[in-house]
PDB file of N, CA and C in Angstrom:
ATOM      1  N   UNK A   1      -8.470 -13.444  26.715  1.00  0.00           N
ATOM      2  CA  UNK A   1      -7.570 -12.307  25.968  1.00  0.00           C
ATOM      3  C   UNK A   1      -7.303 -12.778  24.529  1.00  0.00           C
ATOM      4  N   UNK A   2      -7.191 -11.904  23.344  1.00  0.00           N
ATOM      5  CA  UNK A   2      -6.995 -12.395  22.132  1.00  0.00           C
ATOM      6  C   UNK A   2      -5.507 -11.769  22.347  1.00  0.00           C
ATOM      7  N   UNK A   3      -4.470 -12.696  21.751  1.00  0.00           N
ATOM      8  CA  UNK A   3      -3.073 -12.336  21.857  1.00  0.00           C
ATOM      9  C   UNK A   3      -2.842 -12.053  20.320  1.00  0.00           C
ATOM     10  N   UNK A   4      -1.931 -11.098  20.147  1.00  0.00           N
ATOM     11  CA  UNK A   4      -1.411 -10.837  18.681  1.00  0.00           C
ATOM     12  C   UNK A   4      -0.134 -11.358  18.417  1.00  0.00           C
ATOM     13  N   UNK A   5      -0.060 -11.769  17.026  1.00  0.00           N
ATOM     14  CA  UNK A   5       1.056 -12.271  16.404  1.00  0.00           C
ATOM     15  C   UNK A   5       1.718 -11.443  16.063  1.00  0.00           C
ATOM     16  N   UNK A   6       3.187 -11.582  16.269  1.00  0.00           N
ATOM     17  CA  UNK A   6       3.956 -10.497  16.023  1.00  0.00           C
ATOM     18  C   UNK A   6       4.201 -10.446  14.274  1.00  0.00           C
ATOM     19  N   UNK A   7       4.214 -11.485  13.879  1.00  0.00           N
ATOM     20  CA  UNK A   7       4.551 -11.329  12.414  1.00  0.00           C
ATOM     21  C   UNK A   7       3.691 -10.823  11.401  1.00  0.00           C
ATOM     22  N   UNK A   8       2.304 -10.938  11.846  1.00  0.00           N
ATOM     23  CA  UNK A   8       1.431 -10.222  10.938  1.00  0.00           C
ATOM     24  C   UNK A   8       0.499  -9.493  11.498  1.00  0.00           C
ATOM     25  N   UNK A   9       0.673  -9.069  12.784  1.00  0.00           N
ATOM     26  CA  UNK A   9      -0.154  -7.952  13.434  1.00  0.00           C
ATOM     27  C   UNK A   9      -1.672  -8.339  13.523  1.00  0.00           C
ATOM     28  N   UNK A  10      -1.870  -9.435  13.325  1.00  0.00           N
ATOM     29  CA  UNK A  10      -3.172  -9.799  13.433  1.00  0.00           C
ATOM     30  C   UNK A  10      -3.441 -10.761  15.004  1.00  0.00           C
ATOM     31  N   UNK A  11      -4.659 -10.941  15.561  1.00  0.00           N
ATOM     32  CA  UNK A  11      -4.956 -11.445  16.527  1.00  0.00           C
ATOM     33  C   UNK A  11      -5.219 -13.116  15.995  1.00  0.00           C
ATOM     34  N   UNK A  12      -5.663 -13.840  17.059  1.00  0.00           N
ATOM     35  CA  UNK A  12      -5.742 -15.257  16.653  1.00  0.00           C
ATOM     36  C   UNK A  12      -7.267 -15.230  15.614  1.00  0.00           C
ATOM     37  N   UNK A  13      -7.911 -14.318  15.647  1.00  0.00           N
ATOM     38  CA  UNK A  13      -8.888 -14.292  14.762  1.00  0.00           C
ATOM     39  C   UNK A  13      -8.653 -14.194  13.386  1.00  0.00           C
ATOM     40  N   UNK A  14      -7.429 -13.478  13.116  1.00  0.00           N
ATOM     41  CA  UNK A  14      -6.952 -13.133  11.824  1.00  0.00           C
ATOM     42  C   UNK A  14      -7.186 -11.396  11.723  1.00  0.00           C
ATOM     43  N   UNK A  15      -7.504 -10.772  12.743  1.00  0.00           N
ATOM     44  CA  UNK A  15      -8.171  -9.555  12.416  1.00  0.00           C
ATOM     45  C   UNK A  15      -7.054  -8.565  13.294  1.00  0.00           C
ATOM     46  N   UNK A  16      -6.727  -7.357  12.296  1.00  0.00           N
ATOM     47  CA  UNK A  16      -5.604  -6.716  12.376  1.00  0.00           C
ATOM     48  C   UNK A  16      -6.189  -5.446  13.088  1.00  0.00           C
ATOM     49  N   UNK A  17      -5.415  -4.626  14.003  1.00  0.00           N
ATOM     50  CA  UNK A  17      -5.782  -3.556  14.771  1.00  0.00           C
ATOM     51  C   UNK A  17      -6.743  -2.413  13.993  1.00  0.00           C
ATOM     52  N   UNK A  18      -6.142  -2.381  12.659  1.00  0.00           N
ATOM     53  CA  UNK A  18      -7.132  -1.709  11.596  1.00  0.00           C
ATOM     54  C   UNK A  18      -8.350  -1.687  11.559  1.00  0.00           C
ATOM     55  N   UNK A  19      -8.391  -3.302  11.297  1.00  0.00           N
ATOM     56  CA  UNK A  19      -9.731  -3.657  10.955  1.00  0.00           C
ATOM     57  C   UNK A  19     -10.708  -3.646  12.062  1.00  0.00           C
ATOM     58  N   UNK A  20      -9.927  -4.072  13.441  1.00  0.00           N
ATOM     59  CA  UNK A  20     -11.194  -3.806  14.693  1.00  0.00           C
ATOM     60  C   UNK A  20     -11.612  -2.561  14.577  1.00  0.00           C
ATOM     61  N   UNK A  21     -10.726  -1.315  14.444  1.00  0.00           N
ATOM     62  CA  UNK A  21     -11.289  -0.133  14.731  1.00  0.00           C
ATOM     63  C   UNK A  21     -12.078   0.280  13.866  1.00  0.00           C
ATOM     64  N   UNK A  22     -12.033  -0.277  12.481  1.00  0.00           N
ATOM     65  CA  UNK A  22     -12.924   0.232  11.529  1.00  0.00           C
ATOM     66  C   UNK A  22     -14.156  -0.461  11.992  1.00  0.00           C
ATOM     67  N   UNK A  23     -14.396  -1.727  12.103  1.00  0.00           N
ATOM     68  CA  UNK A  23     -15.323  -2.521  12.708  1.00  0.00           C
ATOM     69  C   UNK A  23     -16.206  -1.779  13.761  1.00  0.00           C
ATOM     70  N   UNK A  24     -15.244  -1.173  14.697  1.00  0.00           N
ATOM     71  CA  UNK A  24     -15.755  -0.499  15.884  1.00  0.00           C
ATOM     72  C   UNK A  24     -16.268   0.848  15.640  1.00  0.00           C
ATOM     73  N   UNK A  25     -15.833   1.380  14.354  1.00  0.00           N
ATOM     74  CA  UNK A  25     -16.062   2.952  14.054  1.00  0.00           C
ATOM     75  C   UNK A  25     -15.354   3.919  14.658  1.00  0.00           C
ATOM     76  N   UNK A  26     -14.338   3.660  15.027  1.00  0.00           N
ATOM     77  CA  UNK A  26     -13.232   4.542  15.660  1.00  0.00           C
ATOM     78  C   UNK A  26     -12.445   5.322  14.819  1.00  0.00           C
ATOM     79  N   UNK A  27     -12.912   6.437  14.455  1.00  0.00           N
ATOM     80  CA  UNK A  27     -12.416   7.157  13.329  1.00  0.00           C
ATOM     81  C   UNK A  27     -10.968   7.860  13.411  1.00  0.00           C
ATOM     82  N   UNK A  28     -10.982   8.523  14.586  1.00  0.00           N
ATOM     83  CA  UNK A  28      -9.622   8.674  14.885  1.00  0.00           C
ATOM     84  C   UNK A  28      -8.618   7.824  15.283  1.00  0.00           C
ATOM     85  N   UNK A  29      -9.084   6.603  15.711  1.00  0.00           N
ATOM     86  CA  UNK A  29      -7.945   5.412  15.663  1.00  0.00           C
ATOM     87  C   UNK A  29      -7.614   4.956  14.331  1.00  0.00           C
ATOM     88  N   UNK A  30      -8.589   4.801  13.574  1.00  0.00           N
ATOM     89  CA  UNK A  30      -8.164   4.391  12.098  1.00  0.00           C
ATOM     90  C   UNK A  30      -7.491   5.574  11.384  1.00  0.00           C
ATOM     91  N   UNK A  31      -7.582   6.666  11.675  1.00  0.00           N
ATOM     92  CA  UNK A  31      -6.901   7.861  10.879  1.00  0.00           C
ATOM     93  C   UNK A  31      -5.356   7.466  11.366  1.00  0.00           C
ATOM     94  N   UNK A  32      -5.256   7.392  12.776  1.00  0.00           N
ATOM     95  CA  UNK A  32      -3.891   7.052  13.726  1.00  0.00           C
ATOM     96  C   UNK A  32      -3.197   5.892  12.863  1.00  0.00           C
ATOM     97  N   UNK A  33      -3.776   4.839  13.002  1.00  0.00           N
ATOM     98  CA  UNK A  33      -3.396   3.639  12.306  1.00  0.00           C
ATOM     99  C   UNK A  33      -2.962   3.820  10.889  1.00  0.00           C
ATOM    100  N   UNK A  34      -3.635   4.418  10.148  1.00  0.00           N
ATOM    101  CA  UNK A  34      -3.083   4.451   8.928  1.00  0.00           C
ATOM    102  C   UNK A  34      -1.873   4.956   8.525  1.00  0.00           C
ATOM    103  N   UNK A  35      -1.307   5.949   9.357  1.00  0.00           N
ATOM    104  CA  UNK A  35      -0.135   6.186   9.455  1.00  0.00           C
ATOM    105  C   UNK A  35       1.113   5.253   9.784  1.00  0.00           C
ATOM    106  N   UNK A  36       0.691   4.169  10.422  1.00  0.00           N
ATOM    107  CA  UNK A  36       1.430   3.337  10.918  1.00  0.00           C
ATOM    108  C   UNK A  36       1.782   2.221   9.993  1.00  0.00           C
ATOM    109  N   UNK A  37       0.255   1.630   9.704  1.00  0.00           N
ATOM    110  CA  UNK A  37       0.350   0.259   9.020  1.00  0.00           C
ATOM    111  C   UNK A  37       0.834   0.178   7.733  1.00  0.00           C
ATOM    112  N   UNK A  38       1.291  -0.817   7.318  1.00  0.00           N
ATOM    113  CA  UNK A  38       1.914  -1.049   5.741  1.00  0.00           C
ATOM    114  C   UNK A  38       0.815  -1.686   5.046  1.00  0.00           C
ATOM    115  N   UNK A  39      -0.043  -2.414   5.568  1.00  0.00           N
ATOM    116  CA  UNK A  39      -0.890  -3.260   4.688  1.00  0.00           C
ATOM    117  C   UNK A  39      -2.380  -2.806   5.098  1.00  0.00           C
ATOM    118  N   UNK A  40      -3.319  -2.302   3.975  1.00  0.00           N
ATOM    119  CA  UNK A  40      -4.147  -1.889   4.235  1.00  0.00           C
ATOM    120  C   UNK A  40      -5.510  -3.041   3.798  1.00  0.00           C
ATOM    121  N   UNK A  41      -6.543  -3.251   4.478  1.00  0.00           N
ATOM    122  CA  UNK A  41      -7.760  -4.297   4.188  1.00  0.00           C
ATOM    123  C   UNK A  41      -8.075  -4.105   2.733  1.00  0.00           C
ATOM    124  N   UNK A  42      -8.232  -5.243   2.410  1.00  0.00           N
ATOM    125  CA  UNK A  42      -8.904  -5.358   0.726  1.00  0.00           C
ATOM    126  C   UNK A  42     -10.006  -4.886   0.865  1.00  0.00           C
ATOM    127  N   UNK A  43     -10.807  -4.478  -0.659  1.00  0.00           N
ATOM    128  CA  UNK A  43     -11.936  -4.015  -0.595  1.00  0.00           C
ATOM    129  C   UNK A  43     -12.999  -4.952  -0.027  1.00  0.00           C
ATOM    130  N   UNK A  44     -13.097  -6.352  -0.174  1.00  0.00           N
ATOM    131  CA  UNK A  44     -13.921  -7.089   0.086  1.00  0.00           C
ATOM    132  C   UNK A  44     -13.959  -7.002   1.664  1.00  0.00           C
ATOM    133  N   UNK A  45     -12.897  -7.050   2.453  1.00  0.00           N
ATOM    134  CA  UNK A  45     -12.903  -6.848   3.738  1.00  0.00           C
ATOM    135  C   UNK A  45     -13.346  -5.660   4.124  1.00  0.00           C
ATOM    136  N   UNK A  46     -13.243  -4.383   3.405  1.00  0.00           N
ATOM    137  CA  UNK A  46     -13.870  -3.228   3.976  1.00  0.00           C
ATOM    138  C   UNK A  46     -15.464  -3.258   3.862  1.00  0.00           C
ATOM    139  N   UNK A  47     -15.927  -3.961   2.968  1.00  0.00           N
ATOM    140  CA  UNK A  47     -17.012  -4.198   2.686  1.00  0.00           C
ATOM    141  C   UNK A  47     -17.737  -4.918   3.714  1.00  0.00           C
ATOM    142  N   UNK A  48     -17.152  -5.958   4.336  1.00  0.00           N
ATOM    143  CA  UNK A  48     -17.661  -6.944   5.506  1.00  0.00           C
ATOM    144  C   UNK A  48     -17.617  -6.084   6.582  1.00  0.00           C
ATOM    145  N   UNK A  49     -16.680  -5.465   6.655  1.00  0.00           N
ATOM    146  CA  UNK A  49     -16.586  -4.420   7.944  1.00  0.00           C
ATOM    147  C   UNK A  49     -17.852  -3.403   8.167  1.00  0.00           C
ATOM    148  N   UNK A  50     -17.806  -2.845   7.125  1.00  0.00           N
ATOM    149  CA  UNK A  50     -18.958  -1.588   6.701  1.00  0.00           C
ATOM    150  C   UNK A  50     -20.122  -2.202   6.905  1.00  0.00           C
ATOM    151  N   UNK A  51     -20.735  -3.231   6.664  1.00  0.00           N
ATOM    152  CA  UNK A  51     -21.925  -3.932   6.607  1.00  0.00           C
ATOM    153  C   UNK A  51     -22.084  -4.872   7.847  1.00  0.00           C
ATOM    154  N   UNK A  52     -21.247  -5.179   8.515  1.00  0.00           N
ATOM    155  CA  UNK A  52     -21.164  -6.187   9.579  1.00  0.00           C
ATOM    156  C   UNK A  52     -22.258  -5.712  10.799  1.00  0.00           C
ATOM    157  N   UNK A  53     -22.585  -6.761  11.468  1.00  0.00           N
ATOM    158  CA  UNK A  53     -23.455  -6.443  12.454  1.00  0.00           C
ATOM    159  C   UNK A  53     -22.925  -5.371  13.700  1.00  0.00           C
ATOM    160  N   UNK A  54     -23.701  -4.681  14.329  1.00  0.00           N
ATOM    161  CA  UNK A  54     -23.242  -3.446  15.096  1.00  0.00           C
ATOM    162  C   UNK A  54     -23.433  -3.927  16.456  1.00  0.00           C
ATOM    163  N   UNK A  55     -22.273  -4.057  17.558  1.00  0.00           N
ATOM    164  CA  UNK A  55     -22.564  -4.825  18.714  1.00  0.00           C
ATOM    165  C   UNK A  55     -23.351  -3.592  19.627  1.00  0.00           C
ATOM    166  N   UNK A  56     -24.202  -4.228  20.455  1.00  0.00           N
ATOM    167  CA  UNK A  56     -25.048  -3.439  21.782  1.00  0.00           C
ATOM    168  C   UNK A  56     -25.882  -2.380  20.979  1.00  0.00           C
ATOM    169  N   UNK A  57     -26.548  -2.582  19.787  1.00  0.00           N
ATOM    170  CA  UNK A  57     -27.529  -1.721  19.160  1.00  0.00           C
ATOM    171  C   UNK A  57     -26.930  -0.570  18.569  1.00  0.00           C
ATOM    172  N   UNK A  58     -25.609  -0.241  18.822  1.00  0.00           N
ATOM    173  CA  UNK A  58     -25.380   1.061  18.420  1.00  0.00           C
ATOM    174  C   UNK A  58     -25.294   1.250  16.693  1.00  0.00           C
ATOM    175  N   UNK A  59     -25.437   2.617  16.467  1.00  0.00           N
ATOM    176  CA  UNK A  59     -25.527   2.569  14.918  1.00  0.00           C
ATOM    177  C   UNK A  59     -24.329   3.019  14.427  1.00  0.00           C
ATOM    178  N   UNK A  60     -23.323   2.415  14.138  1.00  0.00           N
ATOM    179  CA  UNK A  60     -22.140   2.432  13.813  1.00  0.00           C
ATOM    180  C   UNK A  60     -21.908   2.838  11.969  1.00  0.00           C
ATOM    181  N   UNK A  61     -22.930   2.826  11.496  1.00  0.00           N
ATOM    182  CA  UNK A  61     -22.662   2.823  10.047  1.00  0.00           C
ATOM    183  C   UNK A  61     -22.075   4.148   9.784  1.00  0.00           C
ATOM    184  N   UNK A  62     -22.546   5.228   9.965  1.00  0.00           N
ATOM    185  CA  UNK A  62     -21.843   6.620   9.808  1.00  0.00           C
ATOM    186  C   UNK A  62     -20.311   6.653  10.175  1.00  0.00           C
ATOM    187  N   UNK A  63     -20.133   6.173  11.322  1.00  0.00           N
ATOM    188  CA  UNK A  63     -18.705   6.237  11.757  1.00  0.00           C
ATOM    189  C   UNK A  63     -17.961   4.887  11.047  1.00  0.00           C
ATOM    190  N   UNK A  64     -18.539   3.873  10.816  1.00  0.00           N
ATOM    191  CA  UNK A  64     -17.628   3.031   9.594  1.00  0.00           C
ATOM    192  C   UNK A  64     -17.588   3.529   8.300  1.00  0.00           C
ATOM    193  N   UNK A  65     -18.687   4.326   8.043  1.00  0.00           N
ATOM    194  CA  UNK A  65     -18.302   4.862   6.728  1.00  0.00           C
ATOM    195  C   UNK A  65     -17.196   6.228   6.463  1.00  0.00           C
ATOM    196  N   UNK A  66     -17.130   6.780   7.724  1.00  0.00           N
ATOM    197  CA  UNK A  66     -16.053   7.838   7.613  1.00  0.00           C
ATOM    198  C   UNK A  66     -14.574   6.845   7.808  1.00  0.00           C
ATOM    199  N   UNK A  67     -14.535   5.899   8.404  1.00  0.00           N
ATOM    200  CA  UNK A  67     -13.569   5.031   8.357  1.00  0.00           C
ATOM    201  C   UNK A  67     -13.003   4.804   6.937  1.00  0.00           C
ATOM    202  N   UNK A  68     -14.010   4.106   6.160  1.00  0.00           N
ATOM    203  CA  UNK A  68     -14.127   3.467   4.941  1.00  0.00           C
ATOM    204  C   UNK A  68     -13.252   4.620   4.167  1.00  0.00           C
ATOM    205  N   UNK A  69     -13.960   5.782   4.276  1.00  0.00           N
ATOM    206  CA  UNK A  69     -13.356   7.129   3.277  1.00  0.00           C
ATOM    207  C   UNK A  69     -11.947   6.903   3.518  1.00  0.00           C
ATOM    208  N   UNK A  70     -11.541   7.154   5.120  1.00  0.00           N
ATOM    209  CA  UNK A  70     -10.120   7.391   5.297  1.00  0.00           C
ATOM    210  C   UNK A  70      -9.380   6.263   4.951  1.00  0.00           C
ATOM    211  N   UNK A  71      -9.564   4.687   4.486  1.00  0.00           N
ATOM    212  CA  UNK A  71      -8.971   3.945   4.146  1.00  0.00           C
ATOM    213  C   UNK A  71      -8.746   4.037   2.610  1.00  0.00           C
ATOM    214  N   UNK A  72      -9.813   4.563   1.950  1.00  0.00           N
ATOM    215  CA  UNK A  72     -10.206   4.425   0.660  1.00  0.00           C
ATOM    216  C   UNK A  72      -8.958   5.827  -0.061  1.00  0.00           C
ATOM    217  N   UNK A  73      -8.960   6.808   0.915  1.00  0.00           N
ATOM    218  CA  UNK A  73      -8.033   7.888   0.546  1.00  0.00           C
ATOM    219  C   UNK A  73      -6.497   7.349   0.891  1.00  0.00           C
ATOM    220  N   UNK A  74      -6.489   6.547   1.930  1.00  0.00           N
ATOM    221  CA  UNK A  74      -4.940   5.903   2.242  1.00  0.00           C
ATOM    222  C   UNK A  74      -4.665   5.305   1.045  1.00  0.00           C
ATOM    223  N   UNK A  75      -5.252   4.152   0.515  1.00  0.00           N
ATOM    224  CA  UNK A  75      -5.308   3.236  -0.498  1.00  0.00           C
ATOM    225  C   UNK A  75      -4.969   3.985  -1.896  1.00  0.00           C
ATOM    226  N   UNK A  76      -5.676   5.137  -2.206  1.00  0.00           N
ATOM    227  CA  UNK A  76      -5.430   5.771  -3.295  1.00  0.00           C
ATOM    228  C   UNK A  76      -3.794   6.766  -3.210  1.00  0.00           C
ATOM    229  N   UNK A  77      -3.479   7.011  -1.976  1.00  0.00           N
ATOM    230  CA  UNK A  77      -2.276   7.619  -1.843  1.00  0.00           C
ATOM    231  C   UNK A  77      -1.144   6.604  -1.934  1.00  0.00           C
ATOM    232  N   UNK A  78      -1.372   5.404  -1.304  1.00  0.00           N
ATOM    233  CA  UNK A  78      -0.332   4.516  -1.543  1.00  0.00           C
ATOM    234  C   UNK A  78      -0.105   4.239  -3.326  1.00  0.00           C
ATOM    235  N   UNK A  79      -1.520   4.124  -4.113  1.00  0.00           N
ATOM    236  CA  UNK A  79      -1.251   3.676  -5.369  1.00  0.00           C
ATOM    237  C   UNK A  79      -0.261   4.723  -6.166  1.00  0.00           C
ATOM    238  N   UNK A  80      -0.633   6.043  -5.747  1.00  0.00           N
ATOM    239  CA  UNK A  80       0.064   7.020  -6.442  1.00  0.00           C
ATOM    240  C   UNK A  80       1.225   7.197  -6.288  1.00  0.00           C
ATOM    241  N   UNK A  81       1.832   6.771  -4.879  1.00  0.00           N
ATOM    242  CA  UNK A  81       3.121   6.804  -4.371  1.00  0.00           C
ATOM    243  C   UNK A  81       3.889   5.510  -5.612  1.00  0.00           C
ATOM    244  N   UNK A  82       3.140   4.221  -5.295  1.00  0.00           N
ATOM    245  CA  UNK A  82       3.804   3.193  -6.083  1.00  0.00           C
ATOM    246  C   UNK A  82       3.788   3.786  -7.614  1.00  0.00           C
ATOM    247  N   UNK A  83       3.008   4.414  -7.916  1.00  0.00           N
ATOM    248  CA  UNK A  83       2.945   4.843  -9.575  1.00  0.00           C
ATOM    249  C   UNK A  83       3.930   5.693  -9.660  1.00  0.00           C
ATOM    250  N   UNK A  84       4.306   6.568  -8.790  1.00  0.00           N
ATOM    251  CA  UNK A  84       5.799   7.643  -9.007  1.00  0.00           C
ATOM    252  C   UNK A  84       6.657   6.657  -9.057  1.00  0.00           C
ATOM    253  N   UNK A  85       6.740   5.668  -8.008  1.00  0.00           N
ATOM    254  CA  UNK A  85       8.002   4.879  -8.072  1.00  0.00           C
ATOM    255  C   UNK A  85       8.499   3.988  -8.910  1.00  0.00           C
ATOM    256  N   UNK A  86       7.342   3.520  -9.611  1.00  0.00           N
ATOM    257  CA  UNK A  86       7.197   2.724 -10.746  1.00  0.00           C
ATOM    258  C   UNK A  86       8.083   3.508 -11.941  1.00  0.00           C
ATOM    259  N   UNK A  87       7.110   4.620 -11.930  1.00  0.00           N
ATOM    260  CA  UNK A  87       7.719   5.643 -13.377  1.00  0.00           C
ATOM    261  C   UNK A  87       9.415   5.876 -13.084  1.00  0.00           C
ATOM    262  N   UNK A  88       9.702   6.339 -11.514  1.00  0.00           N
ATOM    263  CA  UNK A  88      11.013   6.627 -11.562  1.00  0.00           C
ATOM    264  C   UNK A  88      12.113   5.391 -11.988  1.00  0.00           C
ATOM    265  N   UNK A  89      11.796   4.443 -11.488  1.00  0.00           N
ATOM    266  CA  UNK A  89      12.232   2.865 -11.788  1.00  0.00           C
ATOM    267  C   UNK A  89      12.560   2.832 -13.214  1.00  0.00           C
ATOM    268  N   UNK A  90      11.794   2.939 -13.856  1.00  0.00           N
ATOM    269  CA  UNK A  90      11.417   2.997 -15.776  1.00  0.00           C
ATOM    270  C   UNK A  90      12.483   4.029 -16.093  1.00  0.00           C
ATOM    271  N   UNK A  91      12.273   4.913 -15.683  1.00  0.00           N
ATOM    272  CA  UNK A  91      13.138   5.946 -16.124  1.00  0.00           C
ATOM    273  C   UNK A  91      14.789   5.706 -15.762  1.00  0.00           C
ATOM    274  N   UNK A  92      15.154   5.172 -14.427  1.00  0.00           N
ATOM    275  CA  UNK A  92      16.604   4.883 -14.347  1.00  0.00           C
ATOM    276  C   UNK A  92      16.678   3.657 -15.205  1.00  0.00           C
ATOM    277  N   UNK A  93      15.953   2.616 -15.229  1.00  0.00           N
ATOM    278  CA  UNK A  93      16.312   1.545 -16.172  1.00  0.00           C
ATOM    279  C   UNK A  93      16.752   1.942 -17.484  1.00  0.00           C
ATOM    280  N   UNK A  94      15.934   2.711 -18.343  1.00  0.00           N
ATOM    281  CA  UNK A  94      15.900   3.378 -19.510  1.00  0.00           C
ATOM    282  C   UNK A  94      17.374   4.295 -19.592  1.00  0.00           C
ATOM    283  N   UNK A  95      17.421   5.019 -18.525  1.00  0.00           N
ATOM    284  CA  UNK A  95      18.804   5.897 -18.550  1.00  0.00           C
ATOM    285  C   UNK A  95      20.142   4.680 -18.382  1.00  0.00           C
ATOM    286  N   UNK A  96      20.014   3.510 -17.651  1.00  0.00           N
ATOM    287  CA  UNK A  96      21.106   2.967 -17.675  1.00  0.00           C
ATOM    288  C   UNK A  96      21.165   2.044 -18.992  1.00  0.00           C
ATOM    289  N   UNK A  97      20.134   1.491 -19.360  1.00  0.00           N
ATOM    290  CA  UNK A  97      20.428   0.932 -20.881  1.00  0.00           C
ATOM    291  C   UNK A  97      20.762   1.656 -21.799  1.00  0.00           C
ATOM    292  N   UNK A  98      20.504   3.001 -21.879  1.00  0.00           N
ATOM    293  CA  UNK A  98      21.345   4.335 -22.746  1.00  0.00           C
ATOM    294  C   UNK A  98      22.580   4.256 -22.462  1.00  0.00           C
ATOM    295  N   UNK A  99      23.133   4.411 -21.306  1.00  0.00           N
ATOM    296  CA  UNK A  99      24.555   4.401 -20.936  1.00  0.00           C
ATOM    297  C   UNK A  99      25.191   2.999 -21.593  1.00  0.00           C
ATOM    298  N   UNK A 100      24.613   2.119 -21.623  1.00  0.00           N
ATOM    299  CA  UNK A 100      25.073   0.707 -21.805  1.00  0.00           C
ATOM    300  C   UNK A 100      25.646   0.694 -23.331  1.00  0.00           C
ATOM    301  N   UNK A 101      24.343   1.219 -24.049  1.00  0.00           N
ATOM    302  CA  UNK A 101      24.377   1.016 -25.331  1.00  0.00           C
ATOM    303  C   UNK A 101      25.285   1.894 -25.986  1.00  0.00           C
ATOM    304  N   UNK A 102      25.801   3.260 -25.505  1.00  0.00           N
ATOM    305  CA  UNK A 102      26.828   4.293 -26.035  1.00  0.00           C
ATOM    306  C   UNK A 102      27.862   3.928 -25.410  1.00  0.00           C
ATOM    307  N   UNK A 103      28.096   2.935 -24.394  1.00  0.00           N
ATOM    308  CA  UNK A 103      29.501   2.146 -24.190  1.00  0.00           C
ATOM    309  C   UNK A 103      29.463   1.456 -25.297  1.00  0.00           C
ATOM    310  N   UNK A 104      28.624   0.481 -25.838  1.00  0.00           N
ATOM    311  CA  UNK A 104      29.038  -0.201 -26.770  1.00  0.00           C
ATOM    312  C   UNK A 104      29.455   0.217 -28.101  1.00  0.00           C
ATOM    313  N   UNK A 105      28.605   1.474 -28.195  1.00  0.00           N
ATOM    314  CA  UNK A 105      29.256   2.036 -29.570  1.00  0.00           C
ATOM    315  C   UNK A 105      30.489   2.610 -29.280  1.00  0.00           C
ATOM    316  N   UNK A 106      31.005   3.154 -28.114  1.00  0.00           N
ATOM    317  CA  UNK A 106      32.392   3.633 -28.180  1.00  0.00           C
ATOM    318  C   UNK A 106      33.194   2.440 -28.487  1.00  0.00           C
ATOM    319  N   UNK A 107      32.879   1.361 -27.763  1.00  0.00           N
ATOM    320  CA  UNK A 107      33.850   0.156 -27.965  1.00  0.00           C
ATOM    321  C   UNK A 107      33.840  -0.339 -29.458  1.00  0.00           C
ATOM    322  N   UNK A 108      32.912  -0.318 -30.161  1.00  0.00           N
ATOM    323  CA  UNK A 108      32.876  -0.689 -31.531  1.00  0.00           C
ATOM    324  C   UNK A 108      33.799   0.479 -32.547  1.00  0.00           C
ATOM    325  N   UNK A 109      33.499   1.264 -31.966  1.00  0.00           N
ATOM    326  CA  UNK A 109      34.169   2.639 -32.994  1.00  0.00           C
ATOM    327  C   UNK A 109      35.661   2.535 -32.481  1.00  0.00           C
ATOM    328  N   UNK A 110      36.207   2.187 -31.117  1.00  0.00           N
ATOM    329  CA  UNK A 110      37.885   2.031 -31.219  1.00  0.00           C
ATOM    330  C   UNK A 110      38.163   1.035 -31.457  1.00  0.00           C
ATOM    331  N   UNK A 111      37.366  -0.399 -31.731  1.00  0.00           N
ATOM    332  CA  UNK A 111      37.822  -1.260 -32.737  1.00  0.00           C
ATOM    333  C   UNK A 111      37.792  -1.121 -34.078  1.00  0.00           C
ATOM    334  N   UNK A 112      37.041  -0.156 -34.603  1.00  0.00           N
ATOM    335  CA  UNK A 112      37.074  -0.059 -36.054  1.00  0.00           C
ATOM    336  C   UNK A 112      38.212   0.767 -36.393  1.00  0.00           C
ATOM    337  N   UNK A 113      38.502   1.900 -35.250  1.00  0.00           N
ATOM    338  CA  UNK A 113      39.757   2.447 -35.793  1.00  0.00           C
ATOM    339  C   UNK A 113      41.074   1.702 -35.572  1.00  0.00           C
ATOM    340  N   UNK A 114      41.225   0.758 -34.450  1.00  0.00           N
ATOM    341  CA  UNK A 114      42.283  -0.057 -34.588  1.00  0.00           C
ATOM    342  C   UNK A 114      42.780  -0.822 -35.813  1.00  0.00           C
ATOM    343  N   UNK A 115      41.543  -1.344 -36.383  1.00  0.00           N
ATOM    344  CA  UNK A 115      41.436  -2.315 -37.746  1.00  0.00           C
ATOM    345  C   UNK A 115      41.966  -1.433 -38.705  1.00  0.00           C
ATOM    346  N   UNK A 116      41.941   0.093 -38.889  1.00  0.00           N
ATOM    347  CA  UNK A 116      42.486   0.736 -40.014  1.00  0.00           C
ATOM    348  C   UNK A 116      43.668   1.137 -39.921  1.00  0.00           C
TER     349      UNK A 116
END
């Protein structure tokens, strides 16, 4: 039996449940796992899974291809979310800097009034 390590979600061979499901062409399981996992396999790992040997002479390529399509779709969704979050953060930083700039201008104006 292969035991999972809790910190990474990988088994002793370094395989995650998502990659194992992908390798075995379990489209529904890959779809389900994509809603749970935080880390997706790299493009290189995906290609390795897609073209890897098929156990027991099963033709897994069509199933693996569907799994790959789902993983690519999930990657694009995560990228879009990350881009939106980055834009929001940049907007918040710009607003904060503008607030600080206005505050400094007010302080300068008060100092000038006091000197007159």
